Amino acid sequence: MFFVKDELTVQSYNLYSNAIGGVKLQVLQEDVERARDILTELGYIKDEPIKSDLLTQIDQKKSSIPFFKSISAANGIILLTVIFVITITTLLYFIFRPSLYDILTSNSWCVDKIYYKSTLIGPKTTGIFIKMTTDRNGEADCDEQMSFDKNHRITLPGVNSNSVVGQWQEGDDIIITVNSFENIFAGTYKVDISNNLVTLKSKTTVIYAHRDDYRMPMSF
């Protein structure tokens, strides 16, 4: 038993053939192979494997992955696209994110607190030079600063003293050497940077600072 679908439509309106997919031969499921053999024998179709479309190929591939079995081919493409974009974005972030050296040297840092052996000792810089600055809203001062020079020179606030200067080297941690107050500032520091905040922590000393977003410097 068989049925020829759209035969009359194509005969009446030949230009509709491509639009509706041509004439279609419909047979019972159990007669599919026999019908295919007959059409092949008569030369209407070639005895070649039918190439599946992209969605079918994807559906066949994902059926071997447990998580994707219950997802349609279209949704699978969307999900794979999202995963691909996230993966590429993550890789680009780690490739192009600034290094610790870049972050430290491209900013000046306002020091908020210095703890030595859990005791708050500063910052308390003294001297005849005072730097007065105001932020973008005209509020808050940033008189106690810490800076990392690109030539690995470091300047730290004093502790009832002038500013402390020294050298620093970066790696996974940073190593600071100073000309004074070695017992307080010299050592290896873990660096934690979060948004505008930076924390330097050694075995004895913790320095809390925030990025210097101040302007209008005035020197006296």
C-alpha atoms as a PDB file:
ATOM      1  CA  MET A   1       0.000   0.000   0.000  1.00  0.00           C
ATOM      2  CA  PHE A   2       1.336   3.441  -0.894  1.00  0.00           C
ATOM      3  CA  PHE A   3       0.248   7.045  -1.402  1.00  0.00           C
ATOM      4  CA  VAL A   4       1.717   9.685  -3.703  1.00  0.00           C
ATOM      5  CA  LYS A   5       1.468  13.041  -1.934  1.00  0.00           C
ATOM      6  CA  ASP A   6       1.354  16.421  -3.755  1.00  0.00           C
ATOM      7  CA  GLU A   7       1.368  14.751  -7.179  1.00  0.00           C
ATOM      8  CA  LEU A   8      -1.628  16.732  -8.438  1.00  0.00           C
ATOM      9  CA  THR A   9      -0.333  19.985  -6.948  1.00  0.00           C
ATOM     10  CA  VAL A  10       2.976  19.663  -8.811  1.00  0.00           C
ATOM     11  CA  GLN A  11       1.202  18.719 -12.023  1.00  0.00           C
ATOM     12  CA  SER A  12      -1.102  21.759 -11.777  1.00  0.00           C
ATOM     13  CA  TYR A  13       1.468  24.242 -10.486  1.00  0.00           C
ATOM     14  CA  ASN A  14       4.906  23.061 -11.529  1.00  0.00           C
ATOM     15  CA  LEU A  15       6.614  26.098  -9.992  1.00  0.00           C
ATOM     16  CA  TYR A  16       5.427  24.957  -6.542  1.00  0.00           C
ATOM     17  CA  SER A  17       7.534  21.801  -6.741  1.00  0.00           C
ATOM     18  CA  ASN A  18      10.616  23.175  -4.968  1.00  0.00           C
ATOM     19  CA  ALA A  19       8.528  25.100  -2.454  1.00  0.00           C
ATOM     20  CA  ILE A  20       6.636  22.039  -1.227  1.00  0.00           C
ATOM     21  CA  GLY A  21       9.501  19.576  -1.616  1.00  0.00           C
ATOM     22  CA  GLY A  22       8.320  17.841  -4.806  1.00  0.00           C
ATOM     23  CA  VAL A  23       6.192  14.727  -5.064  1.00  0.00           C
ATOM     24  CA  LYS A  24       6.398  12.467  -2.038  1.00  0.00           C
ATOM     25  CA  LEU A  25       5.960   8.711  -2.010  1.00  0.00           C
ATOM     26  CA  GLN A  26       4.514   7.473   1.287  1.00  0.00           C
ATOM     27  CA  VAL A  27       4.505   3.779   2.189  1.00  0.00           C
ATOM     28  CA  LEU A  28       3.907   1.718   5.296  1.00  0.00           C
ATOM     29  CA  GLN A  29       6.817   1.400   7.688  1.00  0.00           C
ATOM     30  CA  GLU A  30       7.202  -2.292   6.950  1.00  0.00           C
ATOM     31  CA  ASP A  31       7.399  -1.556   3.199  1.00  0.00           C
ATOM     32  CA  VAL A  32      10.140   1.119   3.379  1.00  0.00           C
ATOM     33  CA  GLU A  33      13.053  -1.154   2.485  1.00  0.00           C
ATOM     34  CA  ARG A  34      11.129  -2.884  -0.309  1.00  0.00           C
ATOM     35  CA  ALA A  35      10.062   0.482  -1.757  1.00  0.00           C
ATOM     36  CA  ARG A  36      13.650   1.727  -1.584  1.00  0.00           C
ATOM     37  CA  ASP A  37      14.887  -1.362  -3.410  1.00  0.00           C
ATOM     38  CA  ILE A  38      12.306  -0.885  -6.172  1.00  0.00           C
ATOM     39  CA  LEU A  39      13.123   2.821  -6.628  1.00  0.00           C
ATOM     40  CA  THR A  40      16.838   2.004  -6.676  1.00  0.00           C
ATOM     41  CA  GLU A  41      16.340  -0.748  -9.225  1.00  0.00           C
ATOM     42  CA  LEU A  42      14.339   1.613 -11.458  1.00  0.00           C
ATOM     43  CA  GLY A  43      17.052   4.302 -11.130  1.00  0.00           C
ATOM     44  CA  TYR A  44      14.968   6.878  -9.253  1.00  0.00           C
ATOM     45  CA  ILE A  45      17.376   6.915  -6.346  1.00  0.00           C
ATOM     46  CA  LYS A  46      21.016   5.968  -6.044  1.00  0.00           C
ATOM     47  CA  ASP A  47      22.076   3.265  -3.663  1.00  0.00           C
ATOM     48  CA  GLU A  48      24.163   5.603  -1.500  1.00  0.00           C
ATOM     49  CA  PRO A  49      24.016   6.295   2.215  1.00  0.00           C
ATOM     50  CA  ILE A  50      21.851   9.283   3.017  1.00  0.00           C
ATOM     51  CA  LYS A  51      23.824  12.110   4.512  1.00  0.00           C
ATOM     52  CA  SER A  52      22.182  13.479   7.618  1.00  0.00           C
ATOM     53  CA  ASP A  53      21.836  17.230   8.131  1.00  0.00           C
ATOM     54  CA  LEU A  54      23.784  19.164  10.769  1.00  0.00           C
ATOM     55  CA  LEU A  55      21.104  18.929  13.452  1.00  0.00           C
ATOM     56  CA  THR A  56      20.782  15.184  12.913  1.00  0.00           C
ATOM     57  CA  GLN A  57      24.545  14.718  13.137  1.00  0.00           C
ATOM     58  CA  ILE A  58      24.681  16.745  16.341  1.00  0.00           C
ATOM     59  CA  ASP A  59      21.746  14.775  17.757  1.00  0.00           C
ATOM     60  CA  GLN A  60      23.564  11.520  16.981  1.00  0.00           C
ATOM     61  CA  LYS A  61      26.803  12.762  18.548  1.00  0.00           C
ATOM     62  CA  LYS A  62      25.222  14.099  21.725  1.00  0.00           C
ATOM     63  CA  SER A  63      23.278  10.866  22.286  1.00  0.00           C
ATOM     64  CA  SER A  64      26.565   9.304  23.382  1.00  0.00           C
ATOM     65  CA  ILE A  65      26.945  11.923  26.146  1.00  0.00           C
ATOM     66  CA  PRO A  66      24.679  11.179  29.123  1.00  0.00           C
ATOM     67  CA  PHE A  67      24.074  14.840  30.043  1.00  0.00           C
ATOM     68  CA  PHE A  68      23.002  15.781  26.503  1.00  0.00           C
ATOM     69  CA  LYS A  69      20.704  12.828  25.822  1.00  0.00           C
ATOM     70  CA  SER A  70      17.576  14.587  27.053  1.00  0.00           C
ATOM     71  CA  ILE A  71      18.365  17.881  25.257  1.00  0.00           C
ATOM     72  CA  SER A  72      17.135  18.625  21.749  1.00  0.00           C
ATOM     73  CA  ALA A  73      19.651  19.241  18.993  1.00  0.00           C
ATOM     74  CA  ALA A  74      18.746  22.955  18.747  1.00  0.00           C
ATOM     75  CA  ASN A  75      19.081  23.480  22.505  1.00  0.00           C
ATOM     76  CA  GLY A  76      22.299  21.465  22.404  1.00  0.00           C
ATOM     77  CA  ILE A  77      23.770  23.913  19.865  1.00  0.00           C
ATOM     78  CA  ILE A  78      22.788  26.861  22.072  1.00  0.00           C
ATOM     79  CA  LEU A  79      24.283  25.214  25.150  1.00  0.00           C
ATOM     80  CA  LEU A  80      27.522  24.331  23.353  1.00  0.00           C
ATOM     81  CA  THR A  81      27.753  27.902  22.020  1.00  0.00           C
ATOM     82  CA  VAL A  82      27.346  29.314  25.531  1.00  0.00           C
ATOM     83  CA  ILE A  83      29.992  26.919  26.888  1.00  0.00           C
ATOM     84  CA  PHE A  84      32.348  27.872  24.036  1.00  0.00           C
ATOM     85  CA  VAL A  85      31.884  31.613  24.632  1.00  0.00           C
ATOM     86  CA  ILE A  86      32.433  31.233  28.394  1.00  0.00           C
ATOM     87  CA  THR A  87      35.550  29.143  27.797  1.00  0.00           C
ATOM     88  CA  ILE A  88      37.042  31.636  25.326  1.00  0.00           C
ATOM     89  CA  THR A  89      36.154  34.592  27.578  1.00  0.00           C
ATOM     90  CA  THR A  90      37.811  32.899  30.559  1.00  0.00           C
ATOM     91  CA  LEU A  91      40.945  32.125  28.559  1.00  0.00           C
ATOM     92  CA  LEU A  92      41.165  35.698  27.269  1.00  0.00           C
ATOM     93  CA  TYR A  93      40.762  37.020  30.806  1.00  0.00           C
ATOM     94  CA  PHE A  94      43.681  34.983  32.105  1.00  0.00           C
ATOM     95  CA  ILE A  95      45.791  35.799  29.045  1.00  0.00           C
ATOM     96  CA  PHE A  96      45.235  39.549  29.073  1.00  0.00           C
ATOM     97  CA  ARG A  97      44.593  40.313  32.741  1.00  0.00           C
ATOM     98  CA  PRO A  98      47.215  42.677  34.194  1.00  0.00           C
ATOM     99  CA  SER A  99      50.051  41.128  36.167  1.00  0.00           C
ATOM    100  CA  LEU A 100      50.747  41.898  39.815  1.00  0.00           C
ATOM    101  CA  TYR A 101      53.639  44.095  38.649  1.00  0.00           C
ATOM    102  CA  ASP A 102      51.330  46.082  36.342  1.00  0.00           C
ATOM    103  CA  ILE A 103      48.678  46.602  39.020  1.00  0.00           C
ATOM    104  CA  LEU A 104      51.123  47.716  41.700  1.00  0.00           C
ATOM    105  CA  THR A 105      53.190  50.040  39.498  1.00  0.00           C
ATOM    106  CA  SER A 106      50.307  51.637  37.599  1.00  0.00           C
ATOM    107  CA  ASN A 107      48.657  52.861  40.811  1.00  0.00           C
ATOM    108  CA  SER A 108      49.562  54.835  43.868  1.00  0.00           C
ATOM    109  CA  TRP A 109      48.147  53.462  47.104  1.00  0.00           C
ATOM    110  CA  CYS A 110      46.710  55.264  50.120  1.00  0.00           C
ATOM    111  CA  VAL A 111      47.773  53.382  53.248  1.00  0.00           C
ATOM    112  CA  ASP A 112      44.999  53.051  55.812  1.00  0.00           C
ATOM    113  CA  LYS A 113      46.557  50.901  58.551  1.00  0.00           C
ATOM    114  CA  ILE A 114      49.833  49.185  59.395  1.00  0.00           C
ATOM    115  CA  TYR A 115      49.884  46.368  61.939  1.00  0.00           C
ATOM    116  CA  TYR A 116      53.064  44.964  63.407  1.00  0.00           C
ATOM    117  CA  LYS A 117      52.635  41.752  65.398  1.00  0.00           C
ATOM    118  CA  SER A 118      48.886  42.465  65.575  1.00  0.00           C
ATOM    119  CA  THR A 119      49.458  45.954  67.024  1.00  0.00           C
ATOM    120  CA  LEU A 120      48.366  49.050  65.097  1.00  0.00           C
ATOM    121  CA  ILE A 121      51.490  51.188  64.623  1.00  0.00           C
ATOM    122  CA  GLY A 122      50.679  53.516  61.753  1.00  0.00           C
ATOM    123  CA  PRO A 123      50.843  55.032  59.320  1.00  0.00           C
ATOM    124  CA  LYS A 124      52.408  58.046  61.058  1.00  0.00           C
ATOM    125  CA  THR A 125      54.687  59.868  58.657  1.00  0.00           C
ATOM    126  CA  THR A 126      56.470  62.958  59.986  1.00  0.00           C
ATOM    127  CA  GLY A 127      58.653  65.571  58.314  1.00  0.00           C
ATOM    128  CA  ILE A 128      58.412  69.000  56.754  1.00  0.00           C
ATOM    129  CA  PHE A 129      56.875  67.669  53.536  1.00  0.00           C
ATOM    130  CA  ILE A 130      53.132  67.170  53.697  1.00  0.00           C
ATOM    131  CA  LYS A 131      51.069  66.091  50.735  1.00  0.00           C
ATOM    132  CA  MET A 132      47.454  67.178  50.822  1.00  0.00           C
ATOM    133  CA  THR A 133      44.978  65.754  48.328  1.00  0.00           C
ATOM    134  CA  THR A 134      41.226  65.534  47.972  1.00  0.00           C
ATOM    135  CA  ASP A 135      39.225  62.910  46.161  1.00  0.00           C
ATOM    136  CA  ARG A 136      37.023  63.451  43.144  1.00  0.00           C
ATOM    137  CA  ASN A 137      34.148  64.527  45.368  1.00  0.00           C
ATOM    138  CA  GLY A 138      36.318  66.919  47.365  1.00  0.00           C
ATOM    139  CA  GLU A 139      36.257  64.601  50.346  1.00  0.00           C
ATOM    140  CA  ALA A 140      38.828  62.641  52.388  1.00  0.00           C
ATOM    141  CA  ASP A 141      42.574  63.126  52.399  1.00  0.00           C
ATOM    142  CA  CYS A 142      45.288  60.719  51.321  1.00  0.00           C
ATOM    143  CA  ASP A 143      48.404  61.861  53.145  1.00  0.00           C
ATOM    144  CA  GLU A 144      49.898  58.425  53.755  1.00  0.00           C
ATOM    145  CA  GLN A 145      50.937  56.833  50.492  1.00  0.00           C
ATOM    146  CA  MET A 146      52.717  53.706  49.287  1.00  0.00           C
ATOM    147  CA  SER A 147      54.160  53.512  45.777  1.00  0.00           C
ATOM    148  CA  PHE A 148      55.846  50.811  43.711  1.00  0.00           C
ATOM    149  CA  ASP A 149      58.290  52.194  41.163  1.00  0.00           C
ATOM    150  CA  LYS A 150      58.764  50.375  37.846  1.00  0.00           C
ATOM    151  CA  ASN A 151      62.467  50.292  38.687  1.00  0.00           C
ATOM    152  CA  HIS A 152      61.532  48.312  41.803  1.00  0.00           C
ATOM    153  CA  ARG A 153      61.886  51.194  44.212  1.00  0.00           C
ATOM    154  CA  ILE A 154      59.266  51.277  46.954  1.00  0.00           C
ATOM    155  CA  THR A 155      58.156  54.114  49.221  1.00  0.00           C
ATOM    156  CA  LEU A 156      56.269  53.329  52.427  1.00  0.00           C
ATOM    157  CA  PRO A 157      54.716  55.560  55.101  1.00  0.00           C
ATOM    158  CA  GLY A 158      56.780  56.206  58.194  1.00  0.00           C
ATOM    159  CA  VAL A 159      56.109  55.077  61.748  1.00  0.00           C
ATOM    160  CA  ASN A 160      56.605  58.317  63.688  1.00  0.00           C
ATOM    161  CA  SER A 161      59.318  58.975  61.095  1.00  0.00           C
ATOM    162  CA  ASN A 162      59.933  60.158  57.567  1.00  0.00           C
ATOM    163  CA  SER A 163      58.820  57.937  54.688  1.00  0.00           C
ATOM    164  CA  VAL A 164      60.624  54.620  54.394  1.00  0.00           C
ATOM    165  CA  VAL A 165      62.251  53.745  51.078  1.00  0.00           C
ATOM    166  CA  GLY A 166      63.626  50.490  49.753  1.00  0.00           C
ATOM    167  CA  GLN A 167      63.423  47.913  46.964  1.00  0.00           C
ATOM    168  CA  TRP A 168      60.831  45.324  45.993  1.00  0.00           C
ATOM    169  CA  GLN A 169      60.821  42.228  43.784  1.00  0.00           C
ATOM    170  CA  GLU A 170      57.736  40.496  42.474  1.00  0.00           C
ATOM    171  CA  GLY A 171      56.900  36.816  42.009  1.00  0.00           C
ATOM    172  CA  ASP A 172      53.973  34.878  43.401  1.00  0.00           C
ATOM    173  CA  ASP A 173      54.677  37.061  46.462  1.00  0.00           C
ATOM    174  CA  ILE A 174      56.706  40.261  46.742  1.00  0.00           C
ATOM    175  CA  ILE A 175      59.956  40.687  48.660  1.00  0.00           C
ATOM    176  CA  ILE A 176      60.601  44.053  50.283  1.00  0.00           C
ATOM    177  CA  THR A 177      63.971  45.314  51.508  1.00  0.00           C
ATOM    178  CA  VAL A 178      64.231  48.722  53.215  1.00  0.00           C
ATOM    179  CA  ASN A 179      66.899  51.118  54.459  1.00  0.00           C
ATOM    180  CA  SER A 180      65.270  51.537  57.872  1.00  0.00           C
ATOM    181  CA  PHE A 181      62.695  49.809  60.049  1.00  0.00           C
ATOM    182  CA  GLU A 182      63.861  46.459  58.676  1.00  0.00           C
ATOM    183  CA  ASN A 183      62.217  44.565  61.512  1.00  0.00           C
ATOM    184  CA  ILE A 184      58.839  46.013  60.520  1.00  0.00           C
ATOM    185  CA  PHE A 185      58.849  46.285  56.739  1.00  0.00           C
ATOM    186  CA  ALA A 186      61.478  43.880  55.395  1.00  0.00           C
ATOM    187  CA  GLY A 187      60.235  40.459  54.384  1.00  0.00           C
ATOM    188  CA  THR A 188      58.152  38.405  51.984  1.00  0.00           C
ATOM    189  CA  TYR A 189      54.557  39.544  51.567  1.00  0.00           C
ATOM    190  CA  LYS A 190      51.451  37.809  50.314  1.00  0.00           C
ATOM    191  CA  VAL A 191      49.475  40.254  48.181  1.00  0.00           C
ATOM    192  CA  ASP A 192      45.686  40.288  48.017  1.00  0.00           C
ATOM    193  CA  ILE A 193      44.067  42.714  45.583  1.00  0.00           C
ATOM    194  CA  SER A 194      40.286  43.059  45.555  1.00  0.00           C
ATOM    195  CA  ASN A 195      38.638  45.890  43.627  1.00  0.00           C
ATOM    196  CA  ASN A 196      40.360  49.054  44.908  1.00  0.00           C
ATOM    197  CA  LEU A 197      41.855  47.426  47.992  1.00  0.00           C
ATOM    198  CA  VAL A 198      45.284  45.886  48.480  1.00  0.00           C
ATOM    199  CA  THR A 199      46.560  43.953  51.482  1.00  0.00           C
ATOM    200  CA  LEU A 200      50.238  43.104  52.016  1.00  0.00           C
ATOM    201  CA  LYS A 201      50.839  40.458  54.661  1.00  0.00           C
ATOM    202  CA  SER A 202      54.167  39.130  55.949  1.00  0.00           C
ATOM    203  CA  LYS A 203      54.914  36.999  59.013  1.00  0.00           C
ATOM    204  CA  THR A 204      54.984  40.082  61.223  1.00  0.00           C
ATOM    205  CA  THR A 205      53.374  42.958  59.330  1.00  0.00           C
ATOM    206  CA  VAL A 206      50.078  43.666  57.597  1.00  0.00           C
ATOM    207  CA  ILE A 207      49.589  46.767  55.444  1.00  0.00           C
ATOM    208  CA  TYR A 208      46.067  47.766  54.378  1.00  0.00           C
ATOM    209  CA  ALA A 209      45.707  50.273  51.550  1.00  0.00           C
ATOM    210  CA  HIS A 210      43.319  51.385  48.841  1.00  0.00           C
ATOM    211  CA  ARG A 211      43.957  52.675  45.352  1.00  0.00           C
ATOM    212  CA  ASP A 212      44.706  56.381  45.199  1.00  0.00           C
ATOM    213  CA  ASP A 213      41.843  57.967  43.277  1.00  0.00           C
ATOM    214  CA  TYR A 214      42.737  61.379  44.626  1.00  0.00           C
ATOM    215  CA  ARG A 215      43.607  64.512  42.725  1.00  0.00           C
ATOM    216  CA  MET A 216      44.463  68.219  43.205  1.00  0.00           C
ATOM    217  CA  PRO A 217      47.885  67.625  44.839  1.00  0.00           C
ATOM    218  CA  MET A 218      49.305  70.529  46.788  1.00  0.00           C
ATOM    219  CA  SER A 219      52.823  70.604  48.227  1.00  0.00           C
ATOM    220  CA  PHE A 220      54.029  72.782  51.071  1.00  0.00           C
END
